[in-house]
Amino acid sequence: NKLEYLLREDPGRRILYFGTTVQQS
């Protein structure tokens, strides 16, 4: 939900995501 909010707010964002595990990422 947070990621979707960030991308709706600004589709041009470049987001680096550090996942909890490989499968979760």
PDB file of all heavy atoms in Angstrom:
ATOM      1  N   ASN A   1       0.829  -1.209   0.000  1.00  0.00           N
ATOM      2  CA  ASN A   1       0.000   0.000   0.000  1.00  0.00           C
ATOM      3  C   ASN A   1       0.863   1.259   0.000  1.00  0.00           C
ATOM      4  O   ASN A   1       0.549   2.243  -0.670  1.00  0.00           O
ATOM      5  CB  ASN A   1      -0.934   0.012   1.208  1.00  0.00           C
ATOM      6  CG  ASN A   1      -2.051  -1.015   1.093  1.00  0.00           C
ATOM      7  OD1 ASN A   1      -2.382  -1.462  -0.010  1.00  0.00           O
ATOM      8  ND2 ASN A   1      -2.622  -1.410   2.224  1.00  0.00           N
ATOM      9  N   LYS A   2       1.961   1.225   0.748  1.00  0.00           N
ATOM     10  CA  LYS A   2       2.857   2.378   0.788  1.00  0.00           C
ATOM     11  C   LYS A   2       3.545   2.572  -0.556  1.00  0.00           C
ATOM     12  O   LYS A   2       3.669   3.704  -1.049  1.00  0.00           O
ATOM     13  CB  LYS A   2       3.907   2.186   1.882  1.00  0.00           C
ATOM     14  CG  LYS A   2       4.815   3.400   2.083  1.00  0.00           C
ATOM     15  CD  LYS A   2       4.033   4.605   2.567  1.00  0.00           C
ATOM     16  CE  LYS A   2       4.942   5.772   2.899  1.00  0.00           C
ATOM     17  NZ  LYS A   2       4.191   6.948   3.405  1.00  0.00           N
ATOM     18  N   LEU A   3       3.983   1.491  -1.165  1.00  0.00           N
ATOM     19  CA  LEU A   3       4.623   1.591  -2.474  1.00  0.00           C
ATOM     20  C   LEU A   3       3.656   2.145  -3.519  1.00  0.00           C
ATOM     21  O   LEU A   3       4.023   2.997  -4.338  1.00  0.00           O
ATOM     22  CB  LEU A   3       5.145   0.212  -2.913  1.00  0.00           C
ATOM     23  CG  LEU A   3       6.388  -0.301  -2.171  1.00  0.00           C
ATOM     24  CD1 LEU A   3       6.635  -1.767  -2.520  1.00  0.00           C
ATOM     25  CD2 LEU A   3       7.622   0.537  -2.515  1.00  0.00           C
ATOM     26  N   GLU A   4       2.403   1.666  -3.499  1.00  0.00           N
ATOM     27  CA  GLU A   4       1.424   2.162  -4.458  1.00  0.00           C
ATOM     28  C   GLU A   4       1.155   3.649  -4.229  1.00  0.00           C
ATOM     29  O   GLU A   4       1.038   4.427  -5.187  1.00  0.00           O
ATOM     30  CB  GLU A   4       0.122   1.371  -4.369  1.00  0.00           C
ATOM     31  CG  GLU A   4      -0.886   1.806  -5.427  1.00  0.00           C
ATOM     32  CD  GLU A   4      -2.080   0.875  -5.514  1.00  0.00           C
ATOM     33  OE1 GLU A   4      -2.407   0.215  -4.514  1.00  0.00           O
ATOM     34  OE2 GLU A   4      -2.693   0.823  -6.599  1.00  0.00           O
ATOM     35  N   TYR A   5       1.060   4.053  -2.969  1.00  0.00           N
ATOM     36  CA  TYR A   5       0.853   5.469  -2.665  1.00  0.00           C
ATOM     37  C   TYR A   5       1.996   6.321  -3.216  1.00  0.00           C
ATOM     38  O   TYR A   5       1.767   7.371  -3.828  1.00  0.00           O
ATOM     39  CB  TYR A   5       0.737   5.658  -1.153  1.00  0.00           C
ATOM     40  CG  TYR A   5       0.765   7.106  -0.725  1.00  0.00           C
ATOM     41  CD1 TYR A   5      -0.373   7.912  -0.822  1.00  0.00           C
ATOM     42  CD2 TYR A   5       1.942   7.677  -0.256  1.00  0.00           C
ATOM     43  CE1 TYR A   5      -0.348   9.250  -0.448  1.00  0.00           C
ATOM     44  CE2 TYR A   5       1.990   9.015   0.108  1.00  0.00           C
ATOM     45  CZ  TYR A   5       0.843   9.791   0.021  1.00  0.00           C
ATOM     46  OH  TYR A   5       0.882  11.125   0.375  1.00  0.00           O
ATOM     47  N   LEU A   6       3.231   5.874  -3.014  1.00  0.00           N
ATOM     48  CA  LEU A   6       4.394   6.622  -3.487  1.00  0.00           C
ATOM     49  C   LEU A   6       4.390   6.757  -5.011  1.00  0.00           C
ATOM     50  O   LEU A   6       4.700   7.818  -5.556  1.00  0.00           O
ATOM     51  CB  LEU A   6       5.679   5.925  -3.034  1.00  0.00           C
ATOM     52  CG  LEU A   6       5.987   5.956  -1.535  1.00  0.00           C
ATOM     53  CD1 LEU A   6       7.119   4.986  -1.207  1.00  0.00           C
ATOM     54  CD2 LEU A   6       6.340   7.365  -1.076  1.00  0.00           C
ATOM     55  N   LEU A   7       4.020   5.683  -5.700  1.00  0.00           N
ATOM     56  CA  LEU A   7       4.048   5.698  -7.160  1.00  0.00           C
ATOM     57  C   LEU A   7       2.873   6.473  -7.749  1.00  0.00           C
ATOM     58  O   LEU A   7       2.998   7.090  -8.805  1.00  0.00           O
ATOM     59  CB  LEU A   7       4.062   4.260  -7.688  1.00  0.00           C
ATOM     60  CG  LEU A   7       5.369   3.499  -7.406  1.00  0.00           C
ATOM     61  CD1 LEU A   7       5.192   2.012  -7.688  1.00  0.00           C
ATOM     62  CD2 LEU A   7       6.517   4.071  -8.229  1.00  0.00           C
ATOM     63  N   ARG A   8       1.739   6.441  -7.088  1.00  0.00           N
ATOM     64  CA  ARG A   8       0.604   7.264  -7.543  1.00  0.00           C
ATOM     65  C   ARG A   8       0.929   8.740  -7.356  1.00  0.00           C
ATOM     66  O   ARG A   8       0.584   9.577  -8.199  1.00  0.00           O
ATOM     67  CB  ARG A   8      -0.655   6.906  -6.754  1.00  0.00           C
ATOM     68  CG  ARG A   8      -1.348   5.641  -7.230  1.00  0.00           C
ATOM     69  CD  ARG A   8      -2.599   5.392  -6.407  1.00  0.00           C
ATOM     70  NE  ARG A   8      -3.362   4.244  -6.897  1.00  0.00           N
ATOM     71  CZ  ARG A   8      -4.453   3.775  -6.299  1.00  0.00           C
ATOM     72  NH1 ARG A   8      -4.884   4.348  -5.188  1.00  0.00           N
ATOM     73  NH2 ARG A   8      -5.088   2.737  -6.799  1.00  0.00           N
ATOM     74  N   GLU A   9       1.568   9.053  -6.230  1.00  0.00           N
ATOM     75  CA  GLU A   9       1.918  10.438  -5.934  1.00  0.00           C
ATOM     76  C   GLU A   9       2.916  10.984  -6.946  1.00  0.00           C
ATOM     77  O   GLU A   9       2.818  12.135  -7.382  1.00  0.00           O
ATOM     78  CB  GLU A   9       2.502  10.517  -4.520  1.00  0.00           C
ATOM     79  CG  GLU A   9       2.794  11.924  -4.038  1.00  0.00           C
ATOM     80  CD  GLU A   9       3.369  11.928  -2.643  1.00  0.00           C
ATOM     81  OE1 GLU A   9       4.428  11.281  -2.430  1.00  0.00           O
ATOM     82  OE2 GLU A   9       2.790  12.573  -1.755  1.00  0.00           O
ATOM     83  N   ASP A  10       3.871  10.140  -7.346  1.00  0.00           N
ATOM     84  CA  ASP A  10       4.882  10.559  -8.323  1.00  0.00           C
ATOM     85  C   ASP A  10       5.370   9.330  -9.090  1.00  0.00           C
ATOM     86  O   ASP A  10       6.251   8.610  -8.624  1.00  0.00           O
ATOM     87  CB  ASP A  10       6.049  11.244  -7.623  1.00  0.00           C
ATOM     88  CG  ASP A  10       7.095  11.763  -8.608  1.00  0.00           C
ATOM     89  OD1 ASP A  10       6.929  11.552  -9.825  1.00  0.00           O
ATOM     90  OD2 ASP A  10       8.096  12.357  -8.150  1.00  0.00           O
ATOM     91  N   PRO A  11       4.823   9.054 -10.277  1.00  0.00           N
ATOM     92  CA  PRO A  11       5.219   7.884 -11.069  1.00  0.00           C
ATOM     93  C   PRO A  11       6.684   7.902 -11.493  1.00  0.00           C
ATOM     94  O   PRO A  11       7.235   6.858 -11.876  1.00  0.00           O
ATOM     95  CB  PRO A  11       4.297   7.962 -12.303  1.00  0.00           C
ATOM     96  CG  PRO A  11       3.149   8.808 -11.872  1.00  0.00           C
ATOM     97  CD  PRO A  11       3.727   9.806 -10.913  1.00  0.00           C
ATOM     98  N   GLY A  12       7.326   9.069 -11.427  1.00  0.00           N
ATOM     99  CA  GLY A  12       8.723   9.174 -11.836  1.00  0.00           C
ATOM    100  C   GLY A  12       9.725   8.797 -10.765  1.00  0.00           C
ATOM    101  O   GLY A  12      10.933   8.844 -10.999  1.00  0.00           O
ATOM    102  N   ARG A  13       9.229   8.411  -9.615  1.00  0.00           N
ATOM    103  CA  ARG A  13      10.136   8.045  -8.528  1.00  0.00           C
ATOM    104  C   ARG A  13      10.948   6.798  -8.875  1.00  0.00           C
ATOM    105  O   ARG A  13      10.475   5.900  -9.579  1.00  0.00           O
ATOM    106  CB  ARG A  13       9.362   7.801  -7.239  1.00  0.00           C
ATOM    107  CG  ARG A  13       9.018   9.081  -6.493  1.00  0.00           C
ATOM    108  CD  ARG A  13       8.284   8.776  -5.211  1.00  0.00           C
ATOM    109  NE  ARG A  13       8.320   9.926  -4.309  1.00  0.00           N
ATOM    110  CZ  ARG A  13       7.293  10.347  -3.590  1.00  0.00           C
ATOM    111  NH1 ARG A  13       6.131   9.725  -3.677  1.00  0.00           N
ATOM    112  NH2 ARG A  13       7.417  11.389  -2.790  1.00  0.00           N
ATOM    113  N   ARG A  14      12.175   6.745  -8.343  1.00  0.00           N
ATOM    114  CA  ARG A  14      13.002   5.542  -8.462  1.00  0.00           C
ATOM    115  C   ARG A  14      13.178   4.979  -7.056  1.00  0.00           C
ATOM    116  O   ARG A  14      13.889   5.529  -6.217  1.00  0.00           O
ATOM    117  CB  ARG A  14      14.356   5.875  -9.077  1.00  0.00           C
ATOM    118  CG  ARG A  14      14.239   6.470 -10.474  1.00  0.00           C
ATOM    119  CD  ARG A  14      15.584   6.621 -11.133  1.00  0.00           C
ATOM    120  NE  ARG A  14      15.525   7.574 -12.237  1.00  0.00           N
ATOM    121  CZ  ARG A  14      16.564   7.877 -13.003  1.00  0.00           C
ATOM    122  NH1 ARG A  14      17.730   7.296 -12.793  1.00  0.00           N
ATOM    123  NH2 ARG A  14      16.444   8.764 -13.979  1.00  0.00           N
ATOM    124  N   ILE A  15      12.508   3.867  -6.817  1.00  0.00           N
ATOM    125  CA  ILE A  15      12.422   3.300  -5.472  1.00  0.00           C
ATOM    126  C   ILE A  15      13.295   2.048  -5.375  1.00  0.00           C
ATOM    127  O   ILE A  15      13.141   1.102  -6.151  1.00  0.00           O
ATOM    128  CB  ILE A  15      10.965   2.936  -5.121  1.00  0.00           C
ATOM    129  CG1 ILE A  15      10.076   4.184  -5.230  1.00  0.00           C
ATOM    130  CG2 ILE A  15      10.882   2.330  -3.729  1.00  0.00           C
ATOM    131  CD1 ILE A  15       8.590   3.896  -5.052  1.00  0.00           C
ATOM    132  N   LEU A  16      14.183   2.042  -4.403  1.00  0.00           N
ATOM    133  CA  LEU A  16      15.000   0.869  -4.109  1.00  0.00           C
ATOM    134  C   LEU A  16      14.394   0.183  -2.894  1.00  0.00           C
ATOM    135  O   LEU A  16      14.260   0.791  -1.828  1.00  0.00           O
ATOM    136  CB  LEU A  16      16.443   1.279  -3.831  1.00  0.00           C
ATOM    137  CG  LEU A  16      17.430   0.157  -3.514  1.00  0.00           C
ATOM    138  CD1 LEU A  16      17.518  -0.844  -4.671  1.00  0.00           C
ATOM    139  CD2 LEU A  16      18.812   0.731  -3.207  1.00  0.00           C
ATOM    140  N   TYR A  17      14.025  -1.094  -3.068  1.00  0.00           N
ATOM    141  CA  TYR A  17      13.318  -1.832  -2.017  1.00  0.00           C
ATOM    142  C   TYR A  17      14.185  -2.964  -1.472  1.00  0.00           C
ATOM    143  O   TYR A  17      14.656  -3.820  -2.229  1.00  0.00           O
ATOM    144  CB  TYR A  17      12.004  -2.394  -2.572  1.00  0.00           C
ATOM    145  CG  TYR A  17      11.263  -3.266  -1.584  1.00  0.00           C
ATOM    146  CD1 TYR A  17      10.608  -2.694  -0.506  1.00  0.00           C
ATOM    147  CD2 TYR A  17      11.241  -4.651  -1.723  1.00  0.00           C
ATOM    148  CE1 TYR A  17       9.943  -3.482   0.420  1.00  0.00           C
ATOM    149  CE2 TYR A  17      10.571  -5.439  -0.809  1.00  0.00           C
ATOM    150  CZ  TYR A  17       9.923  -4.853   0.265  1.00  0.00           C
ATOM    151  OH  TYR A  17       9.270  -5.617   1.179  1.00  0.00           O
ATOM    152  N   PHE A  18      14.392  -2.963  -0.153  1.00  0.00           N
ATOM    153  CA  PHE A  18      15.131  -4.038   0.518  1.00  0.00           C
ATOM    154  C   PHE A  18      14.125  -4.982   1.152  1.00  0.00           C
ATOM    155  O   PHE A  18      13.481  -4.659   2.158  1.00  0.00           O
ATOM    156  CB  PHE A  18      16.074  -3.468   1.581  1.00  0.00           C
ATOM    157  CG  PHE A  18      17.272  -2.763   0.998  1.00  0.00           C
ATOM    158  CD1 PHE A  18      17.268  -1.392   0.818  1.00  0.00           C
ATOM    159  CD2 PHE A  18      18.401  -3.485   0.612  1.00  0.00           C
ATOM    160  CE1 PHE A  18      18.365  -0.735   0.270  1.00  0.00           C
ATOM    161  CE2 PHE A  18      19.499  -2.838   0.065  1.00  0.00           C
ATOM    162  CZ  PHE A  18      19.481  -1.469  -0.106  1.00  0.00           C
ATOM    163  N   GLY A  19      13.981  -6.161   0.551  1.00  0.00           N
ATOM    164  CA  GLY A  19      12.977  -7.121   0.990  1.00  0.00           C
ATOM    165  C   GLY A  19      13.349  -7.859   2.261  1.00  0.00           C
ATOM    166  O   GLY A  19      14.510  -7.921   2.664  1.00  0.00           O
ATOM    167  N   THR A  20      12.325  -8.460   2.880  1.00  0.00           N
ATOM    168  CA  THR A  20      12.511  -9.214   4.117  1.00  0.00           C
ATOM    169  C   THR A  20      13.199 -10.544   3.848  1.00  0.00           C
ATOM    170  O   THR A  20      14.047 -10.994   4.618  1.00  0.00           O
ATOM    171  CB  THR A  20      11.144  -9.464   4.785  1.00  0.00           C
ATOM    172  OG1 THR A  20      10.350  -8.281   4.708  1.00  0.00           O
ATOM    173  CG2 THR A  20      11.313  -9.880   6.226  1.00  0.00           C
ATOM    174  N   THR A  21      12.828 -11.185   2.760  1.00  0.00           N
ATOM    175  CA  THR A  21      13.450 -12.427   2.295  1.00  0.00           C
ATOM    176  C   THR A  21      13.470 -12.395   0.764  1.00  0.00           C
ATOM    177  O   THR A  21      12.877 -11.504   0.146  1.00  0.00           O
ATOM    178  CB  THR A  21      12.643 -13.668   2.741  1.00  0.00           C
ATOM    179  OG1 THR A  21      11.356 -13.639   2.112  1.00  0.00           O
ATOM    180  CG2 THR A  21      12.478 -13.717   4.261  1.00  0.00           C
ATOM    181  N   VAL A  22      14.088 -13.376   0.165  1.00  0.00           N
ATOM    182  CA  VAL A  22      14.095 -13.471  -1.297  1.00  0.00           C
ATOM    183  C   VAL A  22      12.682 -13.610  -1.832  1.00  0.00           C
ATOM    184  O   VAL A  22      12.267 -12.900  -2.759  1.00  0.00           O
ATOM    185  CB  VAL A  22      14.964 -14.659  -1.761  1.00  0.00           C
ATOM    186  CG1 VAL A  22      14.779 -14.909  -3.256  1.00  0.00           C
ATOM    187  CG2 VAL A  22      16.437 -14.407  -1.455  1.00  0.00           C
ATOM    188  N   GLN A  23      11.920 -14.530  -1.248  1.00  0.00           N
ATOM    189  CA  GLN A  23      10.563 -14.779  -1.742  1.00  0.00           C
ATOM    190  C   GLN A  23       9.664 -13.564  -1.540  1.00  0.00           C
ATOM    191  O   GLN A  23       8.827 -13.247  -2.400  1.00  0.00           O
ATOM    192  CB  GLN A  23       9.966 -16.009  -1.045  1.00  0.00           C
ATOM    193  CG  GLN A  23      10.635 -17.321  -1.423  1.00  0.00           C
ATOM    194  CD  GLN A  23      10.564 -17.592  -2.920  1.00  0.00           C
ATOM    195  OE1 GLN A  23       9.556 -17.316  -3.580  1.00  0.00           O
ATOM    196  NE2 GLN A  23      11.640 -18.131  -3.480  1.00  0.00           N
ATOM    197  N   GLN A  24       9.827 -12.880  -0.415  1.00  0.00           N
ATOM    198  CA  GLN A  24       9.002 -11.704  -0.156  1.00  0.00           C
ATOM    199  C   GLN A  24       9.318 -10.583  -1.144  1.00  0.00           C
ATOM    200  O   GLN A  24       8.429  -9.885  -1.620  1.00  0.00           O
ATOM    201  CB  GLN A  24       9.224 -11.238   1.293  1.00  0.00           C
ATOM    202  CG  GLN A  24       8.186 -10.252   1.794  1.00  0.00           C
ATOM    203  CD  GLN A  24       8.653  -8.808   1.666  1.00  0.00           C
ATOM    204  OE1 GLN A  24       9.712  -8.512   1.124  1.00  0.00           O
ATOM    205  NE2 GLN A  24       7.818  -7.896   2.156  1.00  0.00           N
ATOM    206  N   SER A  25      10.590 -10.416  -1.481  1.00  0.00           N
ATOM    207  CA  SER A  25      10.990  -9.416  -2.467  1.00  0.00           C
ATOM    208  C   SER A  25      10.391  -9.751  -3.834  1.00  0.00           C
ATOM    209  O   SER A  25       9.898  -8.862  -4.547  1.00  0.00           O
ATOM    210  CB  SER A  25      12.513  -9.345  -2.553  1.00  0.00           C
ATOM    211  OG  SER A  25      12.930  -8.417  -3.526  1.00  0.00           O
TER     212      SER A  25
END
